[in-house]
Amino acid sequence: MAAVTRLHGWRLPWAQLGGFGQGLWSNVLNPKAASVYLTLVPQFLTSSHPIAPQIVTLAVAVVLVWLLFSTTVVAAARTAIDTPRFRRGMSRLAGAVLVTLGVRTATAS
């Protein structure tokens, strides 16, 4: 599905940023991400060292770990999902679930 670039005749400001830019802005503007960061960061900082370098180091480490983890999981999932064997198995499973639900519905009083 293509990304929405126009809404009621107006061009959306983030449309020219591409996927990375849109993802970046959605994370930066997400209040949940900010609240989690603000609640977790203070417990990893020490007052005996300058705060700014600690915050930058922690932010880079968290972002790198999260991005590497999520990228690895998505790549592995795509590799698994993109096989005919997986699709055949999912079709069989979905069919079995639908038949089971149909039988259950037919026998319900």
PDB file of N, CA and C in Angstrom:
ATOM      1  N   MET A   1       0.849  -1.174   0.000  1.00  0.00           N
ATOM      2  CA  MET A   1       0.000   0.000   0.000  1.00  0.00           C
ATOM      3  C   MET A   1       0.894   1.235   0.000  1.00  0.00           C
ATOM      4  N   ALA A   2       0.617   2.160  -0.850  1.00  0.00           N
ATOM      5  CA  ALA A   2       1.425   3.373  -0.963  1.00  0.00           C
ATOM      6  C   ALA A   2       1.126   4.312   0.199  1.00  0.00           C
ATOM      7  N   ALA A   3       2.137   5.073   0.580  1.00  0.00           N
ATOM      8  CA  ALA A   3       1.965   6.035   1.658  1.00  0.00           C
ATOM      9  C   ALA A   3       1.071   7.177   1.192  1.00  0.00           C
ATOM     10  N   VAL A   4       0.285   7.710   2.094  1.00  0.00           N
ATOM     11  CA  VAL A   4      -0.596   8.822   1.764  1.00  0.00           C
ATOM     12  C   VAL A   4       0.258  10.077   1.663  1.00  0.00           C
ATOM     13  N   THR A   5       0.205  10.743   0.502  1.00  0.00           N
ATOM     14  CA  THR A   5       1.001  11.954   0.335  1.00  0.00           C
ATOM     15  C   THR A   5       0.132  13.199   0.269  1.00  0.00           C
ATOM     16  N   ARG A   6      -1.151  13.043  -0.020  1.00  0.00           N
ATOM     17  CA  ARG A   6      -2.046  14.195  -0.077  1.00  0.00           C
ATOM     18  C   ARG A   6      -3.295  13.899   0.743  1.00  0.00           C
ATOM     19  N   LEU A   7      -3.746  14.907   1.456  1.00  0.00           N
ATOM     20  CA  LEU A   7      -4.944  14.768   2.267  1.00  0.00           C
ATOM     21  C   LEU A   7      -5.795  16.012   2.039  1.00  0.00           C
ATOM     22  N   HIS A   8      -6.927  15.847   1.357  1.00  0.00           N
ATOM     23  CA  HIS A   8      -7.835  16.957   1.055  1.00  0.00           C
ATOM     24  C   HIS A   8      -7.118  18.075   0.304  1.00  0.00           C
ATOM     25  N   GLY A   9      -6.256  17.722  -0.639  1.00  0.00           N
ATOM     26  CA  GLY A   9      -5.575  18.725  -1.456  1.00  0.00           C
ATOM     27  C   GLY A   9      -4.291  19.273  -0.853  1.00  0.00           C
ATOM     28  N   TRP A  10      -4.025  19.020   0.399  1.00  0.00           N
ATOM     29  CA  TRP A  10      -2.807  19.507   1.045  1.00  0.00           C
ATOM     30  C   TRP A  10      -1.738  18.427   0.990  1.00  0.00           C
ATOM     31  N   ARG A  11      -0.508  18.819   0.762  1.00  0.00           N
ATOM     32  CA  ARG A  11       0.610  17.881   0.769  1.00  0.00           C
ATOM     33  C   ARG A  11       1.103  17.735   2.205  1.00  0.00           C
ATOM     34  N   LEU A  12       1.183  16.502   2.669  1.00  0.00           N
ATOM     35  CA  LEU A  12       1.622  16.265   4.032  1.00  0.00           C
ATOM     36  C   LEU A  12       3.106  16.606   4.157  1.00  0.00           C
ATOM     37  N   PRO A  13       3.517  17.311   5.213  1.00  0.00           N
ATOM     38  CA  PRO A  13       4.894  17.805   5.305  1.00  0.00           C
ATOM     39  C   PRO A  13       5.936  16.698   5.399  1.00  0.00           C
ATOM     40  N   TRP A  14       5.573  15.530   5.890  1.00  0.00           N
ATOM     41  CA  TRP A  14       6.564  14.470   6.058  1.00  0.00           C
ATOM     42  C   TRP A  14       6.630  13.530   4.861  1.00  0.00           C
ATOM     43  N   ALA A  15       5.852  13.785   3.828  1.00  0.00           N
ATOM     44  CA  ALA A  15       5.786  12.870   2.685  1.00  0.00           C
ATOM     45  C   ALA A  15       7.114  12.790   1.936  1.00  0.00           C
ATOM     46  N   GLN A  16       7.870  13.876   1.851  1.00  0.00           N
ATOM     47  CA  GLN A  16       9.119  13.859   1.108  1.00  0.00           C
ATOM     48  C   GLN A  16      10.279  13.288   1.917  1.00  0.00           C
ATOM     49  N   LEU A  17      10.085  12.935   3.170  1.00  0.00           N
ATOM     50  CA  LEU A  17      11.174  12.426   4.003  1.00  0.00           C
ATOM     51  C   LEU A  17      11.506  10.968   3.728  1.00  0.00           C
ATOM     52  N   GLY A  18      10.602  10.228   3.157  1.00  0.00           N
ATOM     53  CA  GLY A  18      10.835   8.803   2.934  1.00  0.00           C
ATOM     54  C   GLY A  18      10.534   8.015   4.198  1.00  0.00           C
ATOM     55  N   GLY A  19      10.733   6.715   4.108  1.00  0.00           N
ATOM     56  CA  GLY A  19      10.408   5.826   5.215  1.00  0.00           C
ATOM     57  C   GLY A  19      11.224   6.101   6.464  1.00  0.00           C
ATOM     58  N   PHE A  20      12.522   6.328   6.309  1.00  0.00           N
ATOM     59  CA  PHE A  20      13.373   6.573   7.475  1.00  0.00           C
ATOM     60  C   PHE A  20      12.966   7.851   8.189  1.00  0.00           C
ATOM     61  N   GLY A  21      12.760   8.917   7.438  1.00  0.00           N
ATOM     62  CA  GLY A  21      12.378  10.196   8.039  1.00  0.00           C
ATOM     63  C   GLY A  21      11.036  10.124   8.737  1.00  0.00           C
ATOM     64  N   GLN A  22      10.083   9.431   8.119  1.00  0.00           N
ATOM     65  CA  GLN A  22       8.772   9.288   8.748  1.00  0.00           C
ATOM     66  C   GLN A  22       8.870   8.482  10.036  1.00  0.00           C
ATOM     67  N   GLY A  23       9.668   7.418  10.019  1.00  0.00           N
ATOM     68  CA  GLY A  23       9.864   6.628  11.234  1.00  0.00           C
ATOM     69  C   GLY A  23      10.555   7.426  12.323  1.00  0.00           C
ATOM     70  N   LEU A  24      11.561   8.206  11.924  1.00  0.00           N
ATOM     71  CA  LEU A  24      12.286   9.031  12.890  1.00  0.00           C
ATOM     72  C   LEU A  24      11.350  10.032  13.550  1.00  0.00           C
ATOM     73  N   TRP A  25      10.550  10.735  12.751  1.00  0.00           N
ATOM     74  CA  TRP A  25       9.639  11.722  13.321  1.00  0.00           C
ATOM     75  C   TRP A  25       8.553  11.083  14.165  1.00  0.00           C
ATOM     76  N   SER A  26       8.090   9.906  13.768  1.00  0.00           N
ATOM     77  CA  SER A  26       7.068   9.263  14.588  1.00  0.00           C
ATOM     78  C   SER A  26       7.638   8.846  15.942  1.00  0.00           C
ATOM     79  N   ASN A  27       8.911   8.477  15.992  1.00  0.00           N
ATOM     80  CA  ASN A  27       9.529   8.138  17.274  1.00  0.00           C
ATOM     81  C   ASN A  27       9.853   9.380  18.092  1.00  0.00           C
ATOM     82  N   VAL A  28      10.339  10.425  17.441  1.00  0.00           N
ATOM     83  CA  VAL A  28      10.695  11.651  18.158  1.00  0.00           C
ATOM     84  C   VAL A  28       9.458  12.312  18.754  1.00  0.00           C
ATOM     85  N   LEU A  29       8.350  12.291  18.028  1.00  0.00           N
ATOM     86  CA  LEU A  29       7.134  12.958  18.493  1.00  0.00           C
ATOM     87  C   LEU A  29       6.235  12.069  19.339  1.00  0.00           C
ATOM     88  N   ASN A  30       6.656  10.862  19.625  1.00  0.00           N
ATOM     89  CA  ASN A  30       5.850   9.928  20.403  1.00  0.00           C
ATOM     90  C   ASN A  30       6.013  10.231  21.897  1.00  0.00           C
ATOM     91  N   PRO A  31       4.970  10.656  22.585  1.00  0.00           N
ATOM     92  CA  PRO A  31       5.108  10.993  24.003  1.00  0.00           C
ATOM     93  C   PRO A  31       5.410   9.776  24.876  1.00  0.00           C
ATOM     94  N   LYS A  32       4.991   8.585  24.444  1.00  0.00           N
ATOM     95  CA  LYS A  32       5.293   7.390  25.244  1.00  0.00           C
ATOM     96  C   LYS A  32       6.795   7.124  25.258  1.00  0.00           C
ATOM     97  N   ALA A  33       7.448   7.295  24.122  1.00  0.00           N
ATOM     98  CA  ALA A  33       8.893   7.078  24.065  1.00  0.00           C
ATOM     99  C   ALA A  33       9.615   8.069  24.965  1.00  0.00           C
ATOM    100  N   ALA A  34       9.184   9.311  24.949  1.00  0.00           N
ATOM    101  CA  ALA A  34       9.806  10.322  25.803  1.00  0.00           C
ATOM    102  C   ALA A  34       9.591  10.006  27.275  1.00  0.00           C
ATOM    103  N   SER A  35       8.400   9.568  27.647  1.00  0.00           N
ATOM    104  CA  SER A  35       8.140   9.275  29.059  1.00  0.00           C
ATOM    105  C   SER A  35       8.946   8.065  29.536  1.00  0.00           C
ATOM    106  N   VAL A  36       9.080   7.059  28.695  1.00  0.00           N
ATOM    107  CA  VAL A  36       9.899   5.901  29.076  1.00  0.00           C
ATOM    108  C   VAL A  36      11.352   6.319  29.228  1.00  0.00           C
ATOM    109  N   TYR A  37      11.847   7.108  28.295  1.00  0.00           N
ATOM    110  CA  TYR A  37      13.236   7.564  28.368  1.00  0.00           C
ATOM    111  C   TYR A  37      13.467   8.413  29.619  1.00  0.00           C
ATOM    112  N   LEU A  38      12.539   9.315  29.909  1.00  0.00           N
ATOM    113  CA  LEU A  38      12.714  10.187  31.074  1.00  0.00           C
ATOM    114  C   LEU A  38      12.597   9.443  32.402  1.00  0.00           C
ATOM    115  N   THR A  39      11.869   8.342  32.436  1.00  0.00           N
ATOM    116  CA  THR A  39      11.757   7.594  33.682  1.00  0.00           C
ATOM    117  C   THR A  39      12.894   6.602  33.872  1.00  0.00           C
ATOM    118  N   LEU A  40      13.468   6.119  32.784  1.00  0.00           N
ATOM    119  CA  LEU A  40      14.533   5.120  32.909  1.00  0.00           C
ATOM    120  C   LEU A  40      15.938   5.720  32.973  1.00  0.00           C
ATOM    121  N   VAL A  41      16.147   6.836  32.322  1.00  0.00           N
ATOM    122  CA  VAL A  41      17.494   7.405  32.237  1.00  0.00           C
ATOM    123  C   VAL A  41      18.098   7.764  33.591  1.00  0.00           C
ATOM    124  N   PRO A  42      17.385   8.419  34.486  1.00  0.00           N
ATOM    125  CA  PRO A  42      18.028   8.862  35.738  1.00  0.00           C
ATOM    126  C   PRO A  42      18.670   7.749  36.560  1.00  0.00           C
ATOM    127  N   GLN A  43      18.157   6.541  36.496  1.00  0.00           N
ATOM    128  CA  GLN A  43      18.754   5.476  37.300  1.00  0.00           C
ATOM    129  C   GLN A  43      20.092   4.993  36.752  1.00  0.00           C
ATOM    130  N   PHE A  44      20.437   5.375  35.514  1.00  0.00           N
ATOM    131  CA  PHE A  44      21.705   4.967  34.935  1.00  0.00           C
ATOM    132  C   PHE A  44      22.744   6.080  34.928  1.00  0.00           C
ATOM    133  N   LEU A  45      22.402   7.240  35.443  1.00  0.00           N
ATOM    134  CA  LEU A  45      23.321   8.378  35.467  1.00  0.00           C
ATOM    135  C   LEU A  45      23.954   8.527  36.841  1.00  0.00           C
ATOM    136  N   THR A  46      25.196   8.971  36.830  1.00  0.00           N
ATOM    137  CA  THR A  46      25.877   9.257  38.100  1.00  0.00           C
ATOM    138  C   THR A  46      26.201  10.741  38.157  1.00  0.00           C
ATOM    139  N   SER A  47      26.094  11.305  39.338  1.00  0.00           N
ATOM    140  CA  SER A  47      26.333  12.740  39.476  1.00  0.00           C
ATOM    141  C   SER A  47      27.818  13.078  39.549  1.00  0.00           C
ATOM    142  N   SER A  48      28.679  12.086  39.669  1.00  0.00           N
ATOM    143  CA  SER A  48      30.114  12.355  39.765  1.00  0.00           C
ATOM    144  C   SER A  48      30.763  12.624  38.413  1.00  0.00           C
ATOM    145  N   HIS A  49      30.055  12.356  37.318  1.00  0.00           N
ATOM    146  CA  HIS A  49      30.565  12.598  35.969  1.00  0.00           C
ATOM    147  C   HIS A  49      29.640  13.577  35.257  1.00  0.00           C
ATOM    148  N   PRO A  50      30.120  14.237  34.195  1.00  0.00           N
ATOM    149  CA  PRO A  50      29.241  15.143  33.440  1.00  0.00           C
ATOM    150  C   PRO A  50      28.020  14.392  32.886  1.00  0.00           C
ATOM    151  N   ILE A  51      26.859  15.024  32.956  1.00  0.00           N
ATOM    152  CA  ILE A  51      25.595  14.376  32.602  1.00  0.00           C
ATOM    153  C   ILE A  51      25.418  14.227  31.090  1.00  0.00           C
ATOM    154  N   ALA A  52      25.738  15.260  30.321  1.00  0.00           N
ATOM    155  CA  ALA A  52      25.481  15.253  28.875  1.00  0.00           C
ATOM    156  C   ALA A  52      26.148  14.069  28.160  1.00  0.00           C
ATOM    157  N   PRO A  53      27.441  13.805  28.384  1.00  0.00           N
ATOM    158  CA  PRO A  53      28.037  12.648  27.704  1.00  0.00           C
ATOM    159  C   PRO A  53      27.410  11.315  28.126  1.00  0.00           C
ATOM    160  N   GLN A  54      26.978  11.234  29.369  1.00  0.00           N
ATOM    161  CA  GLN A  54      26.316  10.007  29.830  1.00  0.00           C
ATOM    162  C   GLN A  54      24.988   9.802  29.103  1.00  0.00           C
ATOM    163  N   ILE A  55      24.228  10.876  28.949  1.00  0.00           N
ATOM    164  CA  ILE A  55      22.941  10.786  28.268  1.00  0.00           C
ATOM    165  C   ILE A  55      23.134  10.398  26.807  1.00  0.00           C
ATOM    166  N   VAL A  56      24.106  11.024  26.147  1.00  0.00           N
ATOM    167  CA  VAL A  56      24.370  10.709  24.740  1.00  0.00           C
ATOM    168  C   VAL A  56      24.815   9.263  24.587  1.00  0.00           C
ATOM    169  N   THR A  57      25.706   8.804  25.446  1.00  0.00           N
ATOM    170  CA  THR A  57      26.178   7.421  25.378  1.00  0.00           C
ATOM    171  C   THR A  57      25.041   6.444  25.610  1.00  0.00           C
ATOM    172  N   LEU A  58      24.218   6.719  26.604  1.00  0.00           N
ATOM    173  CA  LEU A  58      23.086   5.843  26.890  1.00  0.00           C
ATOM    174  C   LEU A  58      22.085   5.828  25.737  1.00  0.00           C
ATOM    175  N   ALA A  59      21.800   6.996  25.186  1.00  0.00           N
ATOM    176  CA  ALA A  59      20.849   7.074  24.072  1.00  0.00           C
ATOM    177  C   ALA A  59      21.362   6.311  22.862  1.00  0.00           C
ATOM    178  N   VAL A  60      22.627   6.487  22.536  1.00  0.00           N
ATOM    179  CA  VAL A  60      23.211   5.778  21.385  1.00  0.00           C
ATOM    180  C   VAL A  60      23.199   4.275  21.637  1.00  0.00           C
ATOM    181  N   ALA A  61      23.550   3.864  22.838  1.00  0.00           N
ATOM    182  CA  ALA A  61      23.574   2.420  23.148  1.00  0.00           C
ATOM    183  C   ALA A  61      22.180   1.818  23.062  1.00  0.00           C
ATOM    184  N   VAL A  62      21.195   2.499  23.618  1.00  0.00           N
ATOM    185  CA  VAL A  62      19.820   1.982  23.587  1.00  0.00           C
ATOM    186  C   VAL A  62      19.300   1.917  22.159  1.00  0.00           C
ATOM    187  N   VAL A  63      19.529   2.973  21.401  1.00  0.00           N
ATOM    188  CA  VAL A  63      19.052   3.006  20.019  1.00  0.00           C
ATOM    189  C   VAL A  63      19.732   1.918  19.199  1.00  0.00           C
ATOM    190  N   LEU A  64      21.042   1.772  19.349  1.00  0.00           N
ATOM    191  CA  LEU A  64      21.750   0.744  18.582  1.00  0.00           C
ATOM    192  C   LEU A  64      21.277  -0.656  18.940  1.00  0.00           C
ATOM    193  N   VAL A  65      21.129  -0.915  20.217  1.00  0.00           N
ATOM    194  CA  VAL A  65      20.672  -2.248  20.637  1.00  0.00           C
ATOM    195  C   VAL A  65      19.266  -2.508  20.123  1.00  0.00           C
ATOM    196  N   TRP A  66      18.373  -1.538  20.285  1.00  0.00           N
ATOM    197  CA  TRP A  66      16.999  -1.721  19.843  1.00  0.00           C
ATOM    198  C   TRP A  66      16.923  -1.901  18.326  1.00  0.00           C
ATOM    199  N   LEU A  67      17.626  -1.036  17.583  1.00  0.00           N
ATOM    200  CA  LEU A  67      17.559  -1.137  16.129  1.00  0.00           C
ATOM    201  C   LEU A  67      18.180  -2.428  15.620  1.00  0.00           C
ATOM    202  N   LEU A  68      19.294  -2.837  16.205  1.00  0.00           N
ATOM    203  CA  LEU A  68      19.903  -4.099  15.788  1.00  0.00           C
ATOM    204  C   LEU A  68      18.994  -5.281  16.109  1.00  0.00           C
ATOM    205  N   PHE A  69      18.403  -5.277  17.280  1.00  0.00           N
ATOM    206  CA  PHE A  69      17.496  -6.359  17.668  1.00  0.00           C
ATOM    207  C   PHE A  69      16.276  -6.413  16.750  1.00  0.00           C
ATOM    208  N   SER A  70      15.615  -5.274  16.580  1.00  0.00           N
ATOM    209  CA  SER A  70      14.400  -5.263  15.770  1.00  0.00           C
ATOM    210  C   SER A  70      14.692  -5.570  14.308  1.00  0.00           C
ATOM    211  N   THR A  71      15.809  -5.091  13.783  1.00  0.00           N
ATOM    212  CA  THR A  71      16.177  -5.391  12.404  1.00  0.00           C
ATOM    213  C   THR A  71      16.452  -6.868  12.227  1.00  0.00           C
ATOM    214  N   THR A  72      17.128  -7.479  13.173  1.00  0.00           N
ATOM    215  CA  THR A  72      17.425  -8.906  13.097  1.00  0.00           C
ATOM    216  C   THR A  72      16.145  -9.734  13.148  1.00  0.00           C
ATOM    217  N   VAL A  73      15.238  -9.361  14.048  1.00  0.00           N
ATOM    218  CA  VAL A  73      13.977 -10.104  14.172  1.00  0.00           C
ATOM    219  C   VAL A  73      13.135  -9.962  12.907  1.00  0.00           C
ATOM    220  N   VAL A  74      13.034  -8.755  12.372  1.00  0.00           N
ATOM    221  CA  VAL A  74      12.230  -8.539  11.166  1.00  0.00           C
ATOM    222  C   VAL A  74      12.841  -9.265   9.972  1.00  0.00           C
ATOM    223  N   ALA A  75      14.154  -9.242   9.841  1.00  0.00           N
ATOM    224  CA  ALA A  75      14.804  -9.936   8.729  1.00  0.00           C
ATOM    225  C   ALA A  75      14.586 -11.448   8.827  1.00  0.00           C
ATOM    226  N   ALA A  76      14.693 -11.993  10.029  1.00  0.00           N
ATOM    227  CA  ALA A  76      14.467 -13.429  10.208  1.00  0.00           C
ATOM    228  C   ALA A  76      13.005 -13.783   9.935  1.00  0.00           C
ATOM    229  N   ALA A  77      12.094 -12.947  10.389  1.00  0.00           N
ATOM    230  CA  ALA A  77      10.675 -13.208  10.154  1.00  0.00           C
ATOM    231  C   ALA A  77      10.349 -13.136   8.667  1.00  0.00           C
ATOM    232  N   ARG A  78      10.918 -12.169   7.989  1.00  0.00           N
ATOM    233  CA  ARG A  78      10.654 -12.055   6.551  1.00  0.00           C
ATOM    234  C   ARG A  78      11.195 -13.265   5.803  1.00  0.00           C
ATOM    235  N   THR A  79      12.371 -13.716   6.187  1.00  0.00           N
ATOM    236  CA  THR A  79      12.945 -14.897   5.548  1.00  0.00           C
ATOM    237  C   THR A  79      12.040 -16.106   5.764  1.00  0.00           C
ATOM    238  N   ALA A  80      11.507 -16.262   6.961  1.00  0.00           N
ATOM    239  CA  ALA A  80      10.641 -17.407   7.262  1.00  0.00           C
ATOM    240  C   ALA A  80       9.294 -17.286   6.568  1.00  0.00           C
ATOM    241  N   ILE A  81       8.731 -16.100   6.552  1.00  0.00           N
ATOM    242  CA  ILE A  81       7.396 -15.904   5.985  1.00  0.00           C
ATOM    243  C   ILE A  81       7.414 -15.983   4.464  1.00  0.00           C
ATOM    244  N   ASP A  82       8.521 -15.672   3.855  1.00  0.00           N
ATOM    245  CA  ASP A  82       8.615 -15.604   2.399  1.00  0.00           C
ATOM    246  C   ASP A  82       8.779 -16.962   1.723  1.00  0.00           C
ATOM    247  N   THR A  83       8.583 -18.047   2.439  1.00  0.00           N
ATOM    248  CA  THR A  83       8.748 -19.371   1.848  1.00  0.00           C
ATOM    249  C   THR A  83       7.386 -19.982   1.515  1.00  0.00           C
ATOM    250  N   PRO A  84       7.320 -20.771   0.452  1.00  0.00           N
ATOM    251  CA  PRO A  84       6.063 -21.438   0.121  1.00  0.00           C
ATOM    252  C   PRO A  84       5.616 -22.407   1.224  1.00  0.00           C
ATOM    253  N   ARG A  85       6.571 -23.026   1.897  1.00  0.00           N
ATOM    254  CA  ARG A  85       6.236 -23.960   2.980  1.00  0.00           C
ATOM    255  C   ARG A  85       5.481 -23.250   4.104  1.00  0.00           C
ATOM    256  N   PHE A  86       5.933 -22.065   4.478  1.00  0.00           N
ATOM    257  CA  PHE A  86       5.275 -21.302   5.537  1.00  0.00           C
ATOM    258  C   PHE A  86       3.862 -20.912   5.111  1.00  0.00           C
ATOM    259  N   ARG A  87       3.732 -20.414   3.885  1.00  0.00           N
ATOM    260  CA  ARG A  87       2.408 -20.001   3.396  1.00  0.00           C
ATOM    261  C   ARG A  87       1.447 -21.180   3.329  1.00  0.00           C
ATOM    262  N   ARG A  88       1.935 -22.318   2.894  1.00  0.00           N
ATOM    263  CA  ARG A  88       1.096 -23.520   2.833  1.00  0.00           C
ATOM    264  C   ARG A  88       0.661 -23.924   4.241  1.00  0.00           C
ATOM    265  N   GLY A  89       1.587 -23.891   5.180  1.00  0.00           N
ATOM    266  CA  GLY A  89       1.263 -24.235   6.568  1.00  0.00           C
ATOM    267  C   GLY A  89       0.256 -23.271   7.174  1.00  0.00           C
ATOM    268  N   MET A  90       0.415 -21.969   6.893  1.00  0.00           N
ATOM    269  CA  MET A  90      -0.530 -20.985   7.419  1.00  0.00           C
ATOM    270  C   MET A  90      -1.911 -21.162   6.796  1.00  0.00           C
ATOM    271  N   SER A  91      -1.953 -21.506   5.516  1.00  0.00           N
ATOM    272  CA  SER A  91      -3.251 -21.754   4.872  1.00  0.00           C
ATOM    273  C   SER A  91      -3.935 -22.957   5.501  1.00  0.00           C
ATOM    274  N   ARG A  92      -3.175 -23.996   5.771  1.00  0.00           N
ATOM    275  CA  ARG A  92      -3.747 -25.187   6.405  1.00  0.00           C
ATOM    276  C   ARG A  92      -4.232 -24.882   7.821  1.00  0.00           C
ATOM    277  N   LEU A  93      -3.439 -24.144   8.566  1.00  0.00           N
ATOM    278  CA  LEU A  93      -3.819 -23.781   9.927  1.00  0.00           C
ATOM    279  C   LEU A  93      -5.082 -22.920   9.928  1.00  0.00           C
ATOM    280  N   ALA A  94      -5.129 -21.924   9.043  1.00  0.00           N
ATOM    281  CA  ALA A  94      -6.312 -21.068   8.962  1.00  0.00           C
ATOM    282  C   ALA A  94      -7.537 -21.887   8.561  1.00  0.00           C
ATOM    283  N   GLY A  95      -7.369 -22.817   7.634  1.00  0.00           N
ATOM    284  CA  GLY A  95      -8.475 -23.678   7.237  1.00  0.00           C
ATOM    285  C   GLY A  95      -8.977 -24.532   8.385  1.00  0.00           C
ATOM    286  N   ALA A  96      -8.042 -25.095   9.150  1.00  0.00           N
ATOM    287  CA  ALA A  96      -8.421 -25.928  10.295  1.00  0.00           C
ATOM    288  C   ALA A  96      -9.167 -25.100  11.342  1.00  0.00           C
ATOM    289  N   VAL A  97      -8.710 -23.884  11.576  1.00  0.00           N
ATOM    290  CA  VAL A  97      -9.383 -23.018  12.550  1.00  0.00           C
ATOM    291  C   VAL A  97     -10.796 -22.688  12.068  1.00  0.00           C
ATOM    292  N   LEU A  98     -10.943 -22.374  10.791  1.00  0.00           N
ATOM    293  CA  LEU A  98     -12.269 -22.043  10.268  1.00  0.00           C
ATOM    294  C   LEU A  98     -13.210 -23.243  10.308  1.00  0.00           C
ATOM    295  N   VAL A  99     -12.717 -24.429   9.974  1.00  0.00           N
ATOM    296  CA  VAL A  99     -13.548 -25.632  10.037  1.00  0.00           C
ATOM    297  C   VAL A  99     -13.960 -25.900  11.478  1.00  0.00           C
ATOM    298  N   THR A 100     -13.019 -25.766  12.404  1.00  0.00           N
ATOM    299  CA  THR A 100     -13.320 -25.978  13.819  1.00  0.00           C
ATOM    300  C   THR A 100     -14.387 -24.992  14.299  1.00  0.00           C
ATOM    301  N   LEU A 101     -14.245 -23.724  13.951  1.00  0.00           N
ATOM    302  CA  LEU A 101     -15.243 -22.734  14.345  1.00  0.00           C
ATOM    303  C   LEU A 101     -16.602 -23.013  13.707  1.00  0.00           C
ATOM    304  N   GLY A 102     -16.589 -23.460  12.461  1.00  0.00           N
ATOM    305  CA  GLY A 102     -17.839 -23.816  11.790  1.00  0.00           C
ATOM    306  C   GLY A 102     -18.536 -24.976  12.452  1.00  0.00           C
ATOM    307  N   VAL A 103     -17.767 -26.022  12.805  1.00  0.00           N
ATOM    308  CA  VAL A 103     -18.343 -27.192  13.483  1.00  0.00           C
ATOM    309  C   VAL A 103     -18.874 -26.782  14.852  1.00  0.00           C
ATOM    310  N   ARG A 104     -18.126 -25.958  15.551  1.00  0.00           N
ATOM    311  CA  ARG A 104     -18.565 -25.513  16.872  1.00  0.00           C
ATOM    312  C   ARG A 104     -19.850 -24.707  16.777  1.00  0.00           C
ATOM    313  N   THR A 105     -19.932 -23.844  15.781  1.00  0.00           N
ATOM    314  CA  THR A 105     -21.136 -23.043  15.589  1.00  0.00           C
ATOM    315  C   THR A 105     -22.331 -23.923  15.207  1.00  0.00           C
ATOM    316  N   ALA A 106     -22.079 -24.910  14.362  1.00  0.00           N
ATOM    317  CA  ALA A 106     -23.171 -25.787  13.907  1.00  0.00           C
ATOM    318  C   ALA A 106     -23.686 -26.665  15.043  1.00  0.00           C
ATOM    319  N   THR A 107     -22.829 -27.053  15.975  1.00  0.00           N
ATOM    320  CA  THR A 107     -23.253 -27.923  17.062  1.00  0.00           C
ATOM    321  C   THR A 107     -23.716 -27.178  18.303  1.00  0.00           C
ATOM    322  N   ALA A 108     -23.563 -25.874  18.315  1.00  0.00           N
ATOM    323  CA  ALA A 108     -24.002 -25.082  19.474  1.00  0.00           C
ATOM    324  C   ALA A 108     -25.520 -25.035  19.511  1.00  0.00           C
ATOM    325  N   SER A 109     -26.056 -25.094  20.713  1.00  0.00           N
ATOM    326  CA  SER A 109     -27.522 -25.098  20.822  1.00  0.00           C
ATOM    327  C   SER A 109     -28.061 -23.734  21.209  1.00  0.00           C
TER     328      SER A 109
END
